[in-house]
Amino acid sequence: MDQQFHIGQIARFFDLPASTLRYWDEVGILTPHKNHTNSYREYTVSDLMTISDIIFYKNLGISLQQIGAMEQAEPEEHTRLLCGKIEELERQQQEIAQRIQKLHNHLAAIETLNKLRQRPFSPAEIDTDCIVSFDLNEIDKLRQYMENPYLYSRVQHSDCLAIEHRGLTVPRAQRPDIPSDQILWERSADSRYVACLMQESVPDDYRSNLPELLSHIQKSHRTGTIISRFLLRAAENGVVYDFYQTFVEILD
């Protein structure tokens, strides 16, 4: 006679809750013998193999319903199931890779913020080619912003800080597909910029330190266009700020 195991032994052996083994019995994918005297479940070596198979397929992400049907399925059905699971996992893998990249982007924004604090007003190569207008009711552009908030940019001119245009940065390769009336700014090969950290106080009606930054630069240079790239929202000394990497064009 095959060796018999009670549910507590099986639960400890496989590190499973006894309730899980009972549930598998209820849904019909594991059917241990029940003692007629006390109705206790009694597991055999064959049941151990079945449990091992269930755990194997569950670890592949296959549902209990699918596992229960596999025994009666043709090999071709197994192929379709497993190939479908591979496609699902590959999609998840791609989504995870995208999330990891977004986390790296956010860390890069924090690193940029720290560098700007350490070396303000340093000459900088502006890291965008073209900025297009951005309205919150433009769903496609809003989705681009949600994918990467650093795309959000502002275009101003030193002569009139009160006028600002909100936009998204786009690669130069997309420029031919964009109507000219949507272009807010394009990079010129001979333009020079210094970079600094602009911060807007969120609770103070978004008052920024841009006038002070510009005044400091204008002690030594004439200035032109101002491009501000969003970094992140964070607190400093208990006050919430929006931080921007701001590029100020140097005209002399």
Protein backbone atom coordinates (compact mmCIF):
# COMPACT_ATOMS: atom_id res chain seq x y z
CA MET A 1 0.00 0.00 0.00
CA ASP A 2 1.23 3.50 -0.85
CA GLN A 3 2.51 5.60 2.00
CA GLN A 4 -0.15 7.97 3.31
CA PHE A 5 0.39 11.59 4.34
CA HIS A 6 -2.01 13.82 6.23
CA ILE A 7 -2.68 17.42 5.22
CA GLY A 8 -0.42 18.93 7.88
CA GLN A 9 2.57 16.95 6.61
CA ILE A 10 1.88 18.01 3.02
CA ALA A 11 1.45 21.66 4.03
CA ARG A 12 4.81 21.66 5.83
CA PHE A 13 6.57 19.78 3.04
CA PHE A 14 5.47 22.17 0.29
CA ASP A 15 5.31 25.25 2.54
CA LEU A 16 1.65 25.75 1.62
CA PRO A 17 -1.29 26.73 3.81
CA ALA A 18 -3.59 23.80 4.49
CA SER A 19 -6.43 26.02 3.25
CA THR A 20 -4.79 26.10 -0.19
CA LEU A 21 -4.72 22.31 -0.38
CA ARG A 22 -8.38 22.18 0.65
CA TYR A 23 -9.26 24.76 -2.01
CA TRP A 24 -7.47 22.76 -4.70
CA ASP A 25 -9.56 19.80 -3.62
CA GLU A 26 -12.76 21.87 -3.81
CA VAL A 27 -12.05 23.06 -7.38
CA GLY A 28 -11.13 19.55 -8.47
CA ILE A 29 -7.49 19.77 -9.48
CA LEU A 30 -6.31 17.70 -6.51
CA THR A 31 -8.44 14.81 -5.26
CA PRO A 32 -6.83 13.03 -2.33
CA HIS A 33 -8.46 9.96 -0.80
CA LYS A 34 -10.68 10.63 2.21
CA ASN A 35 -10.63 8.30 5.16
CA HIS A 36 -14.11 6.79 5.56
CA THR A 37 -13.74 6.75 9.32
CA ASN A 38 -12.90 10.38 10.01
CA SER A 39 -13.18 12.05 6.54
CA TYR A 40 -9.56 13.25 6.81
CA ARG A 41 -7.73 13.75 3.55
CA GLU A 42 -4.99 11.20 2.93
CA TYR A 43 -2.32 12.01 0.34
CA THR A 44 -0.25 9.47 -1.58
CA VAL A 45 3.08 9.72 -3.42
CA SER A 46 1.02 10.19 -6.58
CA ASP A 47 -0.68 13.18 -4.97
CA LEU A 48 2.78 14.62 -4.20
CA MET A 49 3.56 14.50 -7.91
CA THR A 50 0.25 16.21 -8.72
CA ILE A 51 0.93 18.96 -6.18
CA SER A 52 4.42 19.43 -7.62
CA ASP A 53 2.92 19.82 -11.11
CA ILE A 54 0.33 22.33 -9.89
CA ILE A 55 3.03 24.43 -8.23
CA PHE A 56 5.19 24.21 -11.36
CA TYR A 57 2.42 25.55 -13.61
CA LYS A 58 1.27 28.14 -11.08
CA ASN A 59 4.82 29.49 -10.98
CA LEU A 60 4.53 29.97 -14.74
CA GLY A 61 1.49 32.15 -14.16
CA ILE A 62 -1.04 29.62 -15.41
CA SER A 63 -4.42 29.79 -13.69
CA LEU A 64 -5.92 26.93 -11.68
CA GLN A 65 -8.72 26.61 -14.22
CA GLN A 66 -6.20 26.21 -17.03
CA ILE A 67 -4.13 23.77 -14.96
CA GLY A 68 -7.22 21.67 -14.32
CA ALA A 69 -7.95 21.48 -18.04
CA MET A 70 -4.41 20.65 -19.15
CA GLU A 71 -4.62 16.94 -18.44
CA GLN A 72 -7.46 16.52 -20.95
CA ALA A 73 -5.94 18.94 -23.49
CA GLU A 74 -4.27 17.92 -26.75
CA PRO A 75 -0.57 18.84 -27.22
CA GLU A 76 -1.62 21.56 -29.67
CA GLU A 77 -3.77 23.11 -26.94
CA HIS A 78 -0.77 23.01 -24.59
CA THR A 79 1.24 24.82 -27.27
CA ARG A 80 -1.37 27.56 -27.65
CA LEU A 81 -1.61 28.01 -23.88
CA LEU A 82 2.13 28.17 -23.33
CA CYS A 83 2.77 30.44 -26.32
CA GLY A 84 0.03 32.77 -25.07
CA LYS A 85 1.65 32.83 -21.65
CA ILE A 86 5.04 33.65 -23.22
CA GLU A 87 3.46 36.58 -25.11
CA GLU A 88 1.84 37.80 -21.89
CA LEU A 89 5.13 37.61 -19.99
CA GLU A 90 6.97 39.41 -22.80
CA ARG A 91 4.41 42.23 -22.60
CA GLN A 92 4.91 42.39 -18.85
CA GLN A 93 8.67 42.37 -19.36
CA GLN A 94 8.37 45.33 -21.72
CA GLU A 95 6.16 47.20 -19.26
CA ILE A 96 8.64 46.54 -16.45
CA ALA A 97 11.51 47.79 -18.63
CA GLN A 98 9.54 50.98 -19.33
CA ARG A 99 8.87 51.48 -15.62
CA ILE A 100 12.54 50.99 -14.83
CA GLN A 101 13.45 53.57 -17.47
CA LYS A 102 10.98 56.06 -15.98
CA LEU A 103 12.51 55.54 -12.55
CA HIS A 104 15.95 56.18 -14.03
CA ASN A 105 14.59 59.34 -15.69
CA HIS A 106 13.31 60.58 -12.34
CA LEU A 107 16.64 59.83 -10.67
CA ALA A 108 18.39 61.68 -13.50
CA ALA A 109 16.17 64.71 -12.84
CA ILE A 110 17.20 64.68 -9.17
CA GLU A 111 20.86 64.37 -10.19
CA THR A 112 20.45 67.34 -12.55
CA LEU A 113 18.89 69.37 -9.74
CA ASN A 114 21.84 68.62 -7.45
CA LYS A 115 24.38 69.49 -10.16
CA LEU A 116 22.67 72.82 -10.82
CA ARG A 117 22.86 73.62 -7.12
CA GLN A 118 26.55 72.78 -7.03
CA ARG A 119 27.47 74.59 -10.26
CA PRO A 120 24.92 77.30 -11.06
CA PHE A 121 25.26 79.45 -14.17
CA SER A 122 27.60 77.00 -15.91
CA PRO A 123 27.80 76.98 -19.71
CA ALA A 124 25.52 74.23 -20.98
CA GLU A 125 24.51 72.52 -24.18
CA ILE A 126 20.73 72.70 -24.29
CA ASP A 127 19.34 69.20 -24.50
CA THR A 128 16.47 69.70 -26.90
CA ASP A 129 16.10 70.59 -30.55
CA CYS A 130 12.52 71.74 -30.87
CA ILE A 131 9.66 72.78 -28.59
CA VAL A 132 6.04 72.66 -29.74
CA SER A 133 2.99 74.25 -28.18
CA PHE A 134 1.19 72.20 -25.54
CA ASP A 135 -2.40 72.55 -24.41
CA LEU A 136 -3.83 70.28 -21.72
CA ASN A 137 -6.76 69.39 -23.95
CA GLU A 138 -4.41 67.88 -26.55
CA ILE A 139 -4.68 64.24 -25.51
CA ASP A 140 -1.73 62.91 -27.53
CA LYS A 141 0.64 65.49 -26.09
CA LEU A 142 -0.77 64.99 -22.60
CA ARG A 143 0.04 61.27 -22.93
CA GLN A 144 3.59 62.15 -23.97
CA TYR A 145 3.91 64.31 -20.87
CA MET A 146 2.60 61.48 -18.66
CA GLU A 147 5.24 59.17 -20.13
CA ASN A 148 8.03 61.67 -19.43
CA PRO A 149 7.29 64.89 -17.48
CA TYR A 150 10.75 66.24 -18.41
CA LEU A 151 9.37 66.87 -21.89
CA TYR A 152 7.36 69.77 -20.44
CA SER A 153 9.10 73.03 -21.30
CA ARG A 154 8.54 76.76 -21.13
CA VAL A 155 9.71 79.34 -23.61
CA GLN A 156 10.21 82.96 -22.54
CA HIS A 157 12.32 85.95 -23.53
CA SER A 158 14.46 88.05 -21.26
CA ASP A 159 12.74 91.23 -22.43
CA CYS A 160 9.33 90.12 -21.15
CA LEU A 161 9.23 87.41 -18.51
CA ALA A 162 5.49 87.87 -18.06
CA ILE A 163 4.87 86.24 -21.43
CA GLU A 164 5.55 82.55 -21.42
CA HIS A 165 4.62 79.74 -23.78
CA ARG A 166 4.12 76.21 -22.54
CA GLY A 167 5.27 73.38 -24.73
CA LEU A 168 6.72 69.93 -25.13
CA THR A 169 10.16 69.14 -26.44
CA VAL A 170 10.26 66.84 -29.47
CA PRO A 171 13.13 65.22 -31.38
CA ARG A 172 14.29 67.02 -34.51
CA ALA A 173 13.28 63.96 -36.55
CA GLN A 174 9.63 64.78 -35.83
CA ARG A 175 10.00 68.39 -36.94
CA PRO A 176 8.82 67.81 -40.56
CA ASP A 177 5.51 66.44 -39.26
CA ILE A 178 4.73 69.44 -37.07
CA PRO A 179 2.83 72.47 -38.44
CA SER A 180 4.90 75.62 -38.30
CA ASP A 181 2.32 77.45 -36.22
CA GLN A 182 2.91 74.94 -33.40
CA ILE A 183 6.66 75.56 -33.20
CA LEU A 184 7.56 77.66 -30.18
CA TRP A 185 11.34 77.39 -30.46
CA GLU A 186 14.08 75.63 -32.42
CA ARG A 187 17.72 75.31 -31.51
CA SER A 188 20.26 77.31 -33.44
CA ALA A 189 23.70 75.83 -33.94
CA ASP A 190 25.53 78.97 -32.83
CA SER A 191 23.45 79.77 -29.73
CA ARG A 192 25.11 79.66 -26.31
CA TYR A 193 23.41 79.01 -22.97
CA VAL A 194 24.09 78.91 -19.26
CA ALA A 195 22.04 76.61 -17.05
CA CYS A 196 20.59 77.36 -13.63
CA LEU A 197 17.99 75.99 -11.24
CA MET A 198 14.64 77.77 -11.31
CA GLN A 199 12.15 77.01 -8.58
CA GLU A 200 8.53 78.03 -8.24
CA SER A 201 6.81 78.10 -4.87
CA VAL A 202 3.62 76.09 -5.30
CA PRO A 203 1.77 77.54 -2.27
CA ASP A 204 2.86 81.09 -3.19
CA ASP A 205 0.95 81.21 -6.48
CA TYR A 206 3.96 79.71 -8.30
CA ARG A 207 6.22 82.70 -7.67
CA SER A 208 9.62 81.85 -9.12
CA ASN A 209 13.21 82.96 -8.61
CA LEU A 210 13.71 83.49 -12.36
CA PRO A 211 13.98 87.32 -12.09
CA GLU A 212 16.79 86.95 -9.56
CA LEU A 213 18.58 84.37 -11.70
CA LEU A 214 18.29 86.54 -14.79
CA SER A 215 19.49 89.63 -12.95
CA HIS A 216 22.61 87.76 -11.84
CA ILE A 217 23.41 86.62 -15.40
CA GLN A 218 22.75 90.06 -16.88
CA LYS A 219 25.51 91.55 -14.75
CA SER A 220 27.94 89.95 -17.19
CA HIS A 221 25.94 89.19 -20.35
CA ARG A 222 23.12 90.27 -22.56
CA THR A 223 20.47 87.58 -22.60
CA GLY A 224 17.83 86.33 -25.01
CA THR A 225 15.56 83.32 -25.03
CA ILE A 226 14.90 81.36 -21.84
CA ILE A 227 14.07 77.64 -21.98
CA SER A 228 12.93 75.93 -18.78
CA ARG A 229 12.67 72.12 -18.59
CA PHE A 230 10.61 70.61 -15.77
CA LEU A 231 12.56 68.41 -13.34
CA LEU A 232 10.30 67.51 -10.42
CA ARG A 233 8.08 68.74 -7.62
CA ALA A 234 9.59 68.39 -4.16
CA ALA A 235 9.82 70.09 -0.79
CA GLU A 236 12.61 72.31 0.49
CA ASN A 237 12.60 73.65 4.03
CA GLY A 238 8.95 72.67 4.33
CA VAL A 239 7.88 74.51 1.16
CA VAL A 240 6.76 72.67 -1.98
CA TYR A 241 8.46 73.78 -5.21
CA ASP A 242 8.40 72.94 -8.87
CA PHE A 243 12.02 72.73 -10.00
CA TYR A 244 13.18 73.48 -13.55
CA GLN A 245 16.44 73.24 -15.40
CA THR A 246 16.53 76.66 -17.00
CA PHE A 247 18.72 77.53 -19.99
CA VAL A 248 19.35 81.24 -20.54
CA GLU A 249 20.65 82.28 -23.96
CA ILE A 250 23.83 84.37 -23.91
CA LEU A 251 24.00 86.97 -26.68
CA ASP A 252 27.56 88.25 -26.18
